[in-house]
Amino acid sequence: MKRLSVLLITLLLAGCAEQTPEIASGEVLPCTDISYETKWVRGPEVECLDGTPGLQLSALRGPMVVNVWGSWCVTCKAEMPYFRSFYEKAKGKVELVGVAVEEAKPQDAKDFVVRNGITWPNLIDTQGSSRSYFGMGVPVTWFIDKAGVVTFKKSGEIKSKKELVTLTNKYLGVDLS
């Protein structure tokens, strides 16, 4: 009888707990829609996560927000809901590109994309060549203007969609409000 009471109380309390919304499945997309310059560019080259040829990081052209992440990074996962929400608002005005770094194998990054509802293009640095461009540590979010100039680098976790919108307005001059 005592076990039954404990079980019933546990079930009742579990029913009152806040439910986590389900995340729609993400998709590993080709990088064909990423804006970049093809002439006079030098620097580290990374692959597209879908396995197609990538591009040189210094060739990226915005307005663009580049999120550098790792599937093993707890804070990278924590900020993904804000990037998903931001992406819905920014589509057509600001590009969003992810770059997976320091992955044990590309499949880990692909699984992260699907599990976390990521629906924007992602690159992957399988050779560690982006360290000279991005530096060490994740998450890092870069804001790149139309000329390819990095206008701001946010080290550490993005804490809200509002933060992304505010930084985009301030450093890229794009109003998403």
C-alpha atoms as a PDB file:
ATOM      1  CA  MET A   1       0.000   0.000   0.000  1.00  0.00           C
ATOM      2  CA  LYS A   2       2.818   2.366   0.887  1.00  0.00           C
ATOM      3  CA  ARG A   3       4.526   1.700  -2.489  1.00  0.00           C
ATOM      4  CA  LEU A   4       1.285   2.375  -4.322  1.00  0.00           C
ATOM      5  CA  SER A   5       0.880   5.712  -2.505  1.00  0.00           C
ATOM      6  CA  VAL A   6       4.422   6.771  -3.367  1.00  0.00           C
ATOM      7  CA  LEU A   7       3.889   5.775  -7.001  1.00  0.00           C
ATOM      8  CA  LEU A   8       0.626   7.735  -7.233  1.00  0.00           C
ATOM      9  CA  ILE A   9       2.168  10.851  -5.672  1.00  0.00           C
ATOM     10  CA  THR A  10       5.134  10.621  -8.039  1.00  0.00           C
ATOM     11  CA  LEU A  11       2.830  10.324 -11.053  1.00  0.00           C
ATOM     12  CA  LEU A  12       0.722  13.276  -9.912  1.00  0.00           C
ATOM     13  CA  LEU A  13       3.772  15.467  -9.386  1.00  0.00           C
ATOM     14  CA  ALA A  14       5.218  14.452 -12.736  1.00  0.00           C
ATOM     15  CA  GLY A  15       1.953  15.441 -14.382  1.00  0.00           C
ATOM     16  CA  CYS A  16       2.212  18.913 -12.854  1.00  0.00           C
ATOM     17  CA  ALA A  17       5.772  19.440 -14.031  1.00  0.00           C
ATOM     18  CA  GLU A  18       6.385  21.896 -16.817  1.00  0.00           C
ATOM     19  CA  GLN A  19       6.452  20.095 -20.146  1.00  0.00           C
ATOM     20  CA  THR A  20       9.390  20.757 -22.438  1.00  0.00           C
ATOM     21  CA  PRO A  21       8.176  21.673 -25.910  1.00  0.00           C
ATOM     22  CA  GLU A  22       9.194  19.230 -28.584  1.00  0.00           C
ATOM     23  CA  ILE A  23      11.862  20.466 -30.942  1.00  0.00           C
ATOM     24  CA  ALA A  24      11.164  20.017 -34.612  1.00  0.00           C
ATOM     25  CA  SER A  25      13.789  17.918 -36.309  1.00  0.00           C
ATOM     26  CA  GLY A  26      16.645  19.828 -37.898  1.00  0.00           C
ATOM     27  CA  GLU A  27      18.154  19.166 -41.293  1.00  0.00           C
ATOM     28  CA  VAL A  28      21.705  19.051 -42.629  1.00  0.00           C
ATOM     29  CA  LEU A  29      21.470  21.502 -45.514  1.00  0.00           C
ATOM     30  CA  PRO A  30      23.767  22.216 -48.452  1.00  0.00           C
ATOM     31  CA  CYS A  31      25.816  25.394 -48.250  1.00  0.00           C
ATOM     32  CA  THR A  32      24.816  26.682 -51.679  1.00  0.00           C
ATOM     33  CA  ASP A  33      22.880  29.636 -50.223  1.00  0.00           C
ATOM     34  CA  ILE A  34      25.757  31.008 -48.141  1.00  0.00           C
ATOM     35  CA  SER A  35      26.945  34.396 -49.452  1.00  0.00           C
ATOM     36  CA  TYR A  36      30.647  34.548 -50.136  1.00  0.00           C
ATOM     37  CA  GLU A  37      33.220  36.218 -52.372  1.00  0.00           C
ATOM     38  CA  THR A  38      35.018  34.050 -54.900  1.00  0.00           C
ATOM     39  CA  LYS A  39      37.853  36.379 -55.941  1.00  0.00           C
ATOM     40  CA  TRP A  40      41.027  37.408 -54.108  1.00  0.00           C
ATOM     41  CA  VAL A  41      40.281  35.533 -50.947  1.00  0.00           C
ATOM     42  CA  ARG A  42      42.761  33.598 -48.822  1.00  0.00           C
ATOM     43  CA  GLY A  43      42.456  31.816 -45.536  1.00  0.00           C
ATOM     44  CA  PRO A  44      41.333  28.615 -43.889  1.00  0.00           C
ATOM     45  CA  GLU A  45      38.872  26.509 -45.840  1.00  0.00           C
ATOM     46  CA  VAL A  46      36.148  24.408 -44.229  1.00  0.00           C
ATOM     47  CA  GLU A  47      33.736  21.836 -45.624  1.00  0.00           C
ATOM     48  CA  CYS A  48      29.984  21.963 -45.737  1.00  0.00           C
ATOM     49  CA  LEU A  49      28.457  19.645 -43.131  1.00  0.00           C
ATOM     50  CA  ASP A  50      26.502  17.839 -45.865  1.00  0.00           C
ATOM     51  CA  GLY A  51      29.836  16.714 -47.393  1.00  0.00           C
ATOM     52  CA  THR A  52      29.869  19.085 -50.358  1.00  0.00           C
ATOM     53  CA  PRO A  53      32.798  21.436 -50.943  1.00  0.00           C
ATOM     54  CA  GLY A  54      32.946  24.275 -48.481  1.00  0.00           C
ATOM     55  CA  LEU A  55      34.536  27.673 -48.688  1.00  0.00           C
ATOM     56  CA  GLN A  56      37.189  29.898 -47.239  1.00  0.00           C
ATOM     57  CA  LEU A  57      36.061  31.569 -44.035  1.00  0.00           C
ATOM     58  CA  SER A  58      37.447  34.938 -45.084  1.00  0.00           C
ATOM     59  CA  ALA A  59      35.152  34.777 -48.143  1.00  0.00           C
ATOM     60  CA  LEU A  60      31.960  35.049 -46.070  1.00  0.00           C
ATOM     61  CA  ARG A  61      29.857  38.113 -46.848  1.00  0.00           C
ATOM     62  CA  GLY A  62      26.882  39.375 -44.898  1.00  0.00           C
ATOM     63  CA  PRO A  63      24.943  40.679 -43.358  1.00  0.00           C
ATOM     64  CA  MET A  64      25.602  37.416 -41.593  1.00  0.00           C
ATOM     65  CA  VAL A  65      25.676  35.909 -38.129  1.00  0.00           C
ATOM     66  CA  VAL A  66      28.118  33.007 -37.780  1.00  0.00           C
ATOM     67  CA  ASN A  67      27.700  30.739 -34.769  1.00  0.00           C
ATOM     68  CA  VAL A  68      30.729  28.575 -33.958  1.00  0.00           C
ATOM     69  CA  TRP A  69      29.680  25.523 -31.945  1.00  0.00           C
ATOM     70  CA  GLY A  70      30.533  21.971 -30.943  1.00  0.00           C
ATOM     71  CA  SER A  71      28.139  19.076 -30.409  1.00  0.00           C
ATOM     72  CA  TRP A  72      29.939  18.301 -27.135  1.00  0.00           C
ATOM     73  CA  CYS A  73      29.411  21.870 -25.812  1.00  0.00           C
ATOM     74  CA  VAL A  74      26.638  22.234 -23.198  1.00  0.00           C
ATOM     75  CA  THR A  75      26.294  26.014 -23.616  1.00  0.00           C
ATOM     76  CA  CYS A  76      26.157  25.624 -27.408  1.00  0.00           C
ATOM     77  CA  LYS A  77      23.098  23.414 -26.985  1.00  0.00           C
ATOM     78  CA  ALA A  78      21.583  25.847 -24.468  1.00  0.00           C
ATOM     79  CA  GLU A  79      21.684  28.761 -26.932  1.00  0.00           C
ATOM     80  CA  MET A  80      20.140  26.884 -29.890  1.00  0.00           C
ATOM     81  CA  PRO A  81      16.508  27.792 -29.046  1.00  0.00           C
ATOM     82  CA  TYR A  82      17.475  31.479 -29.377  1.00  0.00           C
ATOM     83  CA  PHE A  83      19.152  30.892 -32.723  1.00  0.00           C
ATOM     84  CA  ARG A  84      16.110  28.947 -34.002  1.00  0.00           C
ATOM     85  CA  SER A  85      13.799  31.796 -33.003  1.00  0.00           C
ATOM     86  CA  PHE A  86      16.206  34.402 -34.404  1.00  0.00           C
ATOM     87  CA  TYR A  87      16.455  32.537 -37.709  1.00  0.00           C
ATOM     88  CA  GLU A  88      12.680  32.595 -38.184  1.00  0.00           C
ATOM     89  CA  LYS A  89      12.729  36.370 -37.704  1.00  0.00           C
ATOM     90  CA  ALA A  90      15.901  37.088 -39.701  1.00  0.00           C
ATOM     91  CA  LYS A  91      15.293  34.983 -42.837  1.00  0.00           C
ATOM     92  CA  GLY A  92      15.741  37.102 -45.945  1.00  0.00           C
ATOM     93  CA  LYS A  93      17.422  39.927 -44.010  1.00  0.00           C
ATOM     94  CA  VAL A  94      20.403  38.325 -42.272  1.00  0.00           C
ATOM     95  CA  GLU A  95      22.057  35.005 -43.050  1.00  0.00           C
ATOM     96  CA  LEU A  96      22.730  32.565 -40.238  1.00  0.00           C
ATOM     97  CA  VAL A  97      25.568  30.076 -40.678  1.00  0.00           C
ATOM     98  CA  GLY A  98      26.873  27.537 -38.198  1.00  0.00           C
ATOM     99  CA  VAL A  99      30.404  26.186 -37.981  1.00  0.00           C
ATOM    100  CA  ALA A 100      31.000  22.947 -36.084  1.00  0.00           C
ATOM    101  CA  VAL A 101      34.493  22.675 -34.630  1.00  0.00           C
ATOM    102  CA  GLU A 102      36.531  20.121 -32.709  1.00  0.00           C
ATOM    103  CA  GLU A 103      34.191  17.243 -33.536  1.00  0.00           C
ATOM    104  CA  ALA A 104      35.326  13.636 -32.987  1.00  0.00           C
ATOM    105  CA  LYS A 105      33.562  12.738 -36.230  1.00  0.00           C
ATOM    106  CA  PRO A 106      31.283  14.614 -38.670  1.00  0.00           C
ATOM    107  CA  GLN A 107      28.320  12.410 -37.756  1.00  0.00           C
ATOM    108  CA  ASP A 108      28.346  13.916 -34.239  1.00  0.00           C
ATOM    109  CA  ALA A 109      27.760  17.359 -35.755  1.00  0.00           C
ATOM    110  CA  LYS A 110      25.061  16.049 -38.099  1.00  0.00           C
ATOM    111  CA  ASP A 111      23.246  14.408 -35.185  1.00  0.00           C
ATOM    112  CA  PHE A 112      23.463  17.670 -33.202  1.00  0.00           C
ATOM    113  CA  VAL A 113      21.889  19.587 -36.101  1.00  0.00           C
ATOM    114  CA  VAL A 114      18.971  17.157 -36.343  1.00  0.00           C
ATOM    115  CA  ARG A 115      18.408  16.856 -32.558  1.00  0.00           C
ATOM    116  CA  ASN A 116      18.489  20.608 -32.001  1.00  0.00           C
ATOM    117  CA  GLY A 117      16.172  21.674 -34.816  1.00  0.00           C
ATOM    118  CA  ILE A 118      18.828  23.537 -36.809  1.00  0.00           C
ATOM    119  CA  THR A 119      17.514  24.491 -40.254  1.00  0.00           C
ATOM    120  CA  TRP A 120      20.265  26.784 -41.540  1.00  0.00           C
ATOM    121  CA  PRO A 121      23.485  25.848 -43.376  1.00  0.00           C
ATOM    122  CA  ASN A 122      26.412  24.563 -41.337  1.00  0.00           C
ATOM    123  CA  LEU A 123      30.063  24.190 -42.125  1.00  0.00           C
ATOM    124  CA  ILE A 124      32.455  21.832 -40.337  1.00  0.00           C
ATOM    125  CA  ASP A 125      36.151  22.189 -39.645  1.00  0.00           C
ATOM    126  CA  THR A 126      37.491  18.648 -39.712  1.00  0.00           C
ATOM    127  CA  GLN A 127      41.138  19.730 -39.901  1.00  0.00           C
ATOM    128  CA  GLY A 128      41.269  22.355 -37.139  1.00  0.00           C
ATOM    129  CA  SER A 129      42.188  25.029 -39.692  1.00  0.00           C
ATOM    130  CA  SER A 130      39.626  27.542 -38.401  1.00  0.00           C
ATOM    131  CA  ARG A 131      41.506  28.044 -35.113  1.00  0.00           C
ATOM    132  CA  SER A 132      43.656  30.673 -36.774  1.00  0.00           C
ATOM    133  CA  TYR A 133      40.502  32.500 -37.898  1.00  0.00           C
ATOM    134  CA  PHE A 134      38.062  31.964 -35.000  1.00  0.00           C
ATOM    135  CA  GLY A 135      40.464  31.273 -32.147  1.00  0.00           C
ATOM    136  CA  MET A 136      39.864  28.643 -29.483  1.00  0.00           C
ATOM    137  CA  GLY A 137      36.707  28.032 -27.501  1.00  0.00           C
ATOM    138  CA  VAL A 138      32.985  27.831 -28.173  1.00  0.00           C
ATOM    139  CA  PRO A 139      30.393  29.114 -28.405  1.00  0.00           C
ATOM    140  CA  VAL A 140      31.440  32.209 -30.323  1.00  0.00           C
ATOM    141  CA  THR A 141      29.136  34.307 -32.483  1.00  0.00           C
ATOM    142  CA  TRP A 142      30.481  36.533 -35.234  1.00  0.00           C
ATOM    143  CA  PHE A 143      28.722  39.406 -36.995  1.00  0.00           C
ATOM    144  CA  ILE A 144      29.951  39.929 -40.563  1.00  0.00           C
ATOM    145  CA  ASP A 145      28.929  42.841 -42.784  1.00  0.00           C
ATOM    146  CA  LYS A 146      28.394  42.963 -46.566  1.00  0.00           C
ATOM    147  CA  ALA A 147      32.089  43.634 -47.197  1.00  0.00           C
ATOM    148  CA  GLY A 148      33.138  40.599 -45.167  1.00  0.00           C
ATOM    149  CA  VAL A 149      34.355  42.660 -42.223  1.00  0.00           C
ATOM    150  CA  VAL A 150      33.863  41.142 -38.783  1.00  0.00           C
ATOM    151  CA  THR A 151      32.067  43.951 -36.968  1.00  0.00           C
ATOM    152  CA  PHE A 152      31.728  42.132 -33.632  1.00  0.00           C
ATOM    153  CA  LYS A 153      32.714  38.892 -31.931  1.00  0.00           C
ATOM    154  CA  LYS A 154      30.597  37.672 -29.025  1.00  0.00           C
ATOM    155  CA  SER A 155      32.496  35.101 -26.949  1.00  0.00           C
ATOM    156  CA  GLY A 156      30.329  32.888 -24.804  1.00  0.00           C
ATOM    157  CA  GLU A 157      26.709  31.868 -24.725  1.00  0.00           C
ATOM    158  CA  ILE A 158      23.926  33.913 -26.292  1.00  0.00           C
ATOM    159  CA  LYS A 159      21.320  34.294 -23.528  1.00  0.00           C
ATOM    160  CA  SER A 160      18.208  35.344 -25.504  1.00  0.00           C
ATOM    161  CA  LYS A 161      16.729  36.050 -28.923  1.00  0.00           C
ATOM    162  CA  LYS A 162      16.552  39.694 -27.865  1.00  0.00           C
ATOM    163  CA  GLU A 163      20.334  39.702 -27.410  1.00  0.00           C
ATOM    164  CA  LEU A 164      20.818  38.393 -30.970  1.00  0.00           C
ATOM    165  CA  VAL A 165      18.363  40.922 -32.408  1.00  0.00           C
ATOM    166  CA  THR A 166      20.025  43.789 -30.503  1.00  0.00           C
ATOM    167  CA  LEU A 167      23.554  42.776 -31.577  1.00  0.00           C
ATOM    168  CA  THR A 168      22.401  42.382 -35.192  1.00  0.00           C
ATOM    169  CA  ASN A 169      20.934  45.881 -35.163  1.00  0.00           C
ATOM    170  CA  LYS A 170      23.974  47.399 -33.474  1.00  0.00           C
ATOM    171  CA  TYR A 171      26.732  45.678 -35.462  1.00  0.00           C
ATOM    172  CA  LEU A 172      25.097  44.934 -38.810  1.00  0.00           C
ATOM    173  CA  GLY A 173      22.622  47.824 -39.002  1.00  0.00           C
ATOM    174  CA  VAL A 174      19.703  45.463 -39.626  1.00  0.00           C
ATOM    175  CA  ASP A 175      16.538  46.186 -37.664  1.00  0.00           C
ATOM    176  CA  LEU A 176      14.629  42.971 -36.911  1.00  0.00           C
ATOM    177  CA  SER A 177      12.206  44.424 -34.356  1.00  0.00           C
END
